[in-house]
Structure formats: structure tokens, C-alpha cells
Amino acid sequence: MSQNTNIKAVKDFNKIEKALQGLAEIIQFELDEDDFLYLAAMDNLKSLSKNIPKLLEHSQKNCKELVEKFEKFPVPRQEYSKNSKISK
């Protein structure tokens, strides 16, 4: 990989990491009770949908790092699913 590709991959990964952190914070504030927080979560999801494919095209190593970030996501999926209007 060239140096420019590496720099681009790091920038894309940082965008994804920020979006995941934002989603985690919103979920912790029970986004299903607040329209503003719901819209903020949707913005974060849009950011993820744009940046994940960019990251995945760069390398296998970055894919592994992304999976590790998802595994560290602070809200257990089952706990969120029980409280979410979206999942019902």
C-alpha cells in the first residue's frame, strides 16, 4: 500500500470510530425517547455507511481492527434490542 493510501485509510477509520462513539453515547441516552437523539443516531449511521466501504477496500488488517471496534461497542445488542422501538 502506498503512503497516501495508508493516510486515507487512517482518516476513514477515524471517521468510523467517531461515528461509533457517537452512536454509543446516543444509545446510552435511550434514543428511542428523544427525536433529536434519534436523528443524530441516523446521521451517525449514514456516516458509517459511507465510510465503512472506504475502509474495507484498503486492507484486511483494517477490517480486523474494525471488527475489534464493534466487539468493544459499549451497549450489548440484546439490552439495546429490548428497549428500542426500532427493533419492535
N, C-alpha and C. Protein backbone atom coordinates (compact mmCIF):
# COMPACT_ATOMS: atom_id res chain seq x y z
N MET A 1 0.83 -1.18 0.00
CA MET A 1 0.00 0.00 0.00
C MET A 1 0.87 1.24 0.00
N SER A 2 0.48 2.23 -0.74
CA SER A 2 1.25 3.47 -0.77
C SER A 2 0.99 4.29 0.50
N GLN A 3 1.83 5.26 0.72
CA GLN A 3 1.69 6.11 1.90
C GLN A 3 0.37 6.89 1.85
N ASN A 4 -0.01 7.38 0.67
CA ASN A 4 -1.28 8.11 0.53
C ASN A 4 -2.47 7.22 0.85
N THR A 5 -2.42 5.97 0.42
CA THR A 5 -3.50 5.03 0.71
C THR A 5 -3.58 4.77 2.21
N ASN A 6 -2.43 4.62 2.85
CA ASN A 6 -2.41 4.42 4.30
C ASN A 6 -3.00 5.61 5.04
N ILE A 7 -2.64 6.82 4.62
CA ILE A 7 -3.17 8.03 5.26
C ILE A 7 -4.68 8.09 5.08
N LYS A 8 -5.16 7.78 3.88
CA LYS A 8 -6.60 7.79 3.61
C LYS A 8 -7.31 6.74 4.47
N ALA A 9 -6.72 5.57 4.61
CA ALA A 9 -7.32 4.51 5.42
C ALA A 9 -7.44 4.94 6.87
N VAL A 10 -6.41 5.59 7.39
CA VAL A 10 -6.44 6.05 8.78
C VAL A 10 -7.53 7.11 8.96
N LYS A 11 -7.63 8.04 8.01
CA LYS A 11 -8.67 9.07 8.10
C LYS A 11 -10.06 8.45 8.06
N ASP A 12 -10.27 7.50 7.16
CA ASP A 12 -11.56 6.81 7.08
C ASP A 12 -11.87 6.07 8.37
N PHE A 13 -10.86 5.39 8.91
CA PHE A 13 -11.05 4.64 10.15
C PHE A 13 -11.40 5.58 11.29
N ASN A 14 -10.76 6.74 11.36
CA ASN A 14 -11.06 7.71 12.42
C ASN A 14 -12.49 8.22 12.32
N LYS A 15 -12.99 8.42 11.10
CA LYS A 15 -14.38 8.83 10.92
C LYS A 15 -15.33 7.75 11.44
N ILE A 16 -15.01 6.51 11.14
CA ILE A 16 -15.84 5.39 11.61
C ILE A 16 -15.81 5.31 13.12
N GLU A 17 -14.63 5.45 13.70
CA GLU A 17 -14.50 5.37 15.16
C GLU A 17 -15.32 6.47 15.83
N LYS A 18 -15.28 7.70 15.31
CA LYS A 18 -16.05 8.80 15.88
C LYS A 18 -17.55 8.53 15.77
N ALA A 19 -17.98 8.00 14.64
CA ALA A 19 -19.39 7.69 14.45
C ALA A 19 -19.84 6.62 15.43
N LEU A 20 -19.02 5.60 15.65
CA LEU A 20 -19.36 4.55 16.61
C LEU A 20 -19.45 5.11 18.03
N GLN A 21 -18.52 5.99 18.38
CA GLN A 21 -18.56 6.60 19.71
C GLN A 21 -19.83 7.43 19.87
N GLY A 22 -20.19 8.17 18.83
CA GLY A 22 -21.42 8.96 18.87
C GLY A 22 -22.64 8.09 19.03
N LEU A 23 -22.69 6.99 18.30
CA LEU A 23 -23.82 6.07 18.43
C LEU A 23 -23.90 5.48 19.82
N ALA A 24 -22.77 5.11 20.38
CA ALA A 24 -22.74 4.53 21.72
C ALA A 24 -23.30 5.51 22.74
N GLU A 25 -22.90 6.77 22.64
CA GLU A 25 -23.39 7.78 23.58
C GLU A 25 -24.89 7.98 23.42
N ILE A 26 -25.36 8.03 22.19
CA ILE A 26 -26.78 8.23 21.94
C ILE A 26 -27.59 7.06 22.47
N ILE A 27 -27.14 5.86 22.22
CA ILE A 27 -27.86 4.67 22.69
C ILE A 27 -27.93 4.67 24.20
N GLN A 28 -26.86 5.08 24.86
CA GLN A 28 -26.85 5.12 26.31
C GLN A 28 -27.88 6.12 26.84
N PHE A 29 -28.21 7.14 26.07
CA PHE A 29 -29.22 8.12 26.48
C PHE A 29 -30.63 7.72 26.02
N GLU A 30 -30.81 6.47 25.69
CA GLU A 30 -32.12 5.94 25.29
C GLU A 30 -32.72 6.74 24.14
N LEU A 31 -32.13 6.60 22.99
CA LEU A 31 -32.52 7.40 21.84
C LEU A 31 -33.98 7.24 21.45
N ASP A 32 -34.62 6.14 21.83
CA ASP A 32 -36.00 5.95 21.40
C ASP A 32 -36.97 6.88 22.11
N GLU A 33 -36.54 7.64 23.11
CA GLU A 33 -37.42 8.58 23.80
C GLU A 33 -37.23 10.02 23.32
N ASP A 34 -36.32 10.26 22.42
CA ASP A 34 -35.99 11.63 22.03
C ASP A 34 -35.76 11.70 20.52
N ASP A 35 -36.61 12.45 19.83
CA ASP A 35 -36.50 12.55 18.37
C ASP A 35 -35.16 13.13 17.93
N PHE A 36 -34.66 14.13 18.66
CA PHE A 36 -33.38 14.75 18.29
C PHE A 36 -32.27 13.73 18.33
N LEU A 37 -32.22 12.93 19.40
CA LEU A 37 -31.17 11.92 19.52
C LEU A 37 -31.33 10.84 18.45
N TYR A 38 -32.57 10.50 18.13
CA TYR A 38 -32.81 9.52 17.07
C TYR A 38 -32.23 10.03 15.74
N LEU A 39 -32.49 11.30 15.42
CA LEU A 39 -31.97 11.88 14.18
C LEU A 39 -30.44 11.93 14.20
N ALA A 40 -29.87 12.22 15.36
CA ALA A 40 -28.41 12.23 15.47
C ALA A 40 -27.85 10.83 15.24
N ALA A 41 -28.53 9.82 15.76
CA ALA A 41 -28.10 8.44 15.54
C ALA A 41 -28.16 8.09 14.05
N MET A 42 -29.21 8.54 13.39
CA MET A 42 -29.34 8.27 11.96
C MET A 42 -28.22 8.94 11.17
N ASP A 43 -27.82 10.15 11.57
CA ASP A 43 -26.69 10.82 10.92
C ASP A 43 -25.42 10.01 11.08
N ASN A 44 -25.22 9.47 12.29
CA ASN A 44 -24.04 8.64 12.54
C ASN A 44 -24.08 7.38 11.68
N LEU A 45 -25.25 6.78 11.54
CA LEU A 45 -25.38 5.59 10.71
C LEU A 45 -25.07 5.91 9.24
N LYS A 46 -25.51 7.07 8.78
CA LYS A 46 -25.20 7.47 7.40
C LYS A 46 -23.70 7.63 7.22
N SER A 47 -23.05 8.22 8.22
CA SER A 47 -21.60 8.38 8.17
C SER A 47 -20.92 7.02 8.10
N LEU A 48 -21.39 6.08 8.90
CA LEU A 48 -20.83 4.73 8.87
C LEU A 48 -21.02 4.08 7.51
N SER A 49 -22.22 4.22 6.96
CA SER A 49 -22.50 3.57 5.68
C SER A 49 -21.60 4.12 4.56
N LYS A 50 -21.19 5.39 4.69
CA LYS A 50 -20.29 5.97 3.69
C LYS A 50 -18.84 5.55 3.91
N ASN A 51 -18.43 5.45 5.17
CA ASN A 51 -17.02 5.26 5.47
C ASN A 51 -16.58 3.81 5.62
N ILE A 52 -17.47 2.92 6.01
CA ILE A 52 -17.07 1.51 6.16
C ILE A 52 -16.60 0.93 4.82
N PRO A 53 -17.34 1.12 3.73
CA PRO A 53 -16.83 0.57 2.46
C PRO A 53 -15.47 1.14 2.07
N LYS A 54 -15.24 2.43 2.34
CA LYS A 54 -13.94 3.03 2.04
C LYS A 54 -12.85 2.33 2.82
N LEU A 55 -13.12 2.06 4.09
CA LEU A 55 -12.12 1.42 4.94
C LEU A 55 -11.87 -0.01 4.48
N LEU A 56 -12.92 -0.73 4.18
CA LEU A 56 -12.78 -2.14 3.84
C LEU A 56 -12.01 -2.35 2.54
N GLU A 57 -12.03 -1.37 1.65
CA GLU A 57 -11.30 -1.54 0.39
C GLU A 57 -9.80 -1.40 0.57
N HIS A 58 -9.34 -0.91 1.72
CA HIS A 58 -7.91 -0.66 1.90
C HIS A 58 -7.11 -1.90 2.29
N SER A 59 -7.56 -2.66 3.29
CA SER A 59 -6.75 -3.82 3.67
C SER A 59 -7.47 -4.73 4.65
N GLN A 60 -6.99 -5.97 4.71
CA GLN A 60 -7.51 -6.96 5.65
C GLN A 60 -7.26 -6.53 7.10
N LYS A 61 -6.10 -5.94 7.35
CA LYS A 61 -5.76 -5.52 8.71
C LYS A 61 -6.78 -4.51 9.24
N ASN A 62 -7.16 -3.56 8.40
CA ASN A 62 -8.14 -2.57 8.82
C ASN A 62 -9.50 -3.21 9.09
N CYS A 63 -9.84 -4.23 8.31
CA CYS A 63 -11.09 -4.95 8.54
C CYS A 63 -11.08 -5.59 9.93
N LYS A 64 -9.96 -6.19 10.29
CA LYS A 64 -9.83 -6.81 11.61
C LYS A 64 -9.97 -5.77 12.71
N GLU A 65 -9.33 -4.61 12.54
CA GLU A 65 -9.43 -3.54 13.53
C GLU A 65 -10.87 -3.05 13.66
N LEU A 66 -11.59 -2.97 12.56
CA LEU A 66 -12.98 -2.54 12.59
C LEU A 66 -13.83 -3.53 13.38
N VAL A 67 -13.64 -4.82 13.13
CA VAL A 67 -14.37 -5.85 13.87
C VAL A 67 -14.09 -5.72 15.36
N GLU A 68 -12.83 -5.48 15.72
CA GLU A 68 -12.48 -5.31 17.13
C GLU A 68 -13.19 -4.11 17.74
N LYS A 69 -13.34 -3.02 17.00
CA LYS A 69 -14.07 -1.84 17.49
C LYS A 69 -15.52 -2.21 17.77
N PHE A 70 -16.14 -2.96 16.85
CA PHE A 70 -17.53 -3.35 17.06
C PHE A 70 -17.66 -4.26 18.28
N GLU A 71 -16.68 -5.13 18.51
CA GLU A 71 -16.73 -6.02 19.66
C GLU A 71 -16.63 -5.25 20.97
N LYS A 72 -16.00 -4.08 20.95
CA LYS A 72 -15.86 -3.26 22.16
C LYS A 72 -17.02 -2.29 22.33
N PHE A 73 -17.96 -2.29 21.41
CA PHE A 73 -19.11 -1.39 21.46
C PHE A 73 -19.77 -1.51 22.83
N PRO A 74 -19.99 -0.40 23.53
CA PRO A 74 -20.36 -0.44 24.94
C PRO A 74 -21.76 -0.94 25.30
N VAL A 75 -22.68 -0.99 24.36
CA VAL A 75 -24.04 -1.42 24.69
C VAL A 75 -24.30 -2.80 24.10
N PRO A 76 -24.56 -3.81 24.95
CA PRO A 76 -24.85 -5.15 24.44
C PRO A 76 -26.07 -5.12 23.52
N ARG A 77 -25.98 -5.81 22.42
CA ARG A 77 -27.05 -5.81 21.43
C ARG A 77 -28.40 -6.24 22.02
N GLN A 78 -28.41 -7.27 22.86
CA GLN A 78 -29.66 -7.75 23.44
C GLN A 78 -30.30 -6.69 24.32
N GLU A 79 -29.49 -6.01 25.12
CA GLU A 79 -30.00 -4.98 26.01
C GLU A 79 -30.62 -3.84 25.21
N TYR A 80 -29.96 -3.44 24.13
CA TYR A 80 -30.49 -2.37 23.30
C TYR A 80 -31.77 -2.81 22.60
N SER A 81 -31.80 -4.03 22.10
CA SER A 81 -32.97 -4.53 21.37
C SER A 81 -34.22 -4.55 22.24
N LYS A 82 -34.07 -4.86 23.52
CA LYS A 82 -35.22 -4.91 24.42
C LYS A 82 -35.88 -3.54 24.56
N ASN A 83 -35.08 -2.47 24.53
CA ASN A 83 -35.58 -1.13 24.80
C ASN A 83 -35.87 -0.30 23.56
N SER A 84 -35.56 -0.80 22.40
CA SER A 84 -35.65 0.01 21.19
C SER A 84 -37.00 -0.16 20.50
N LYS A 85 -37.63 0.96 20.18
CA LYS A 85 -38.87 0.92 19.40
C LYS A 85 -38.57 0.48 17.97
N ILE A 86 -37.36 0.79 17.51
CA ILE A 86 -36.98 0.46 16.14
C ILE A 86 -36.94 -1.05 15.94
N SER A 87 -36.49 -1.79 16.95
CA SER A 87 -36.35 -3.24 16.81
C SER A 87 -37.67 -3.98 16.96
N LYS A 88 -38.73 -3.29 17.38
CA LYS A 88 -40.03 -3.96 17.61
C LYS A 88 -40.90 -3.95 16.38
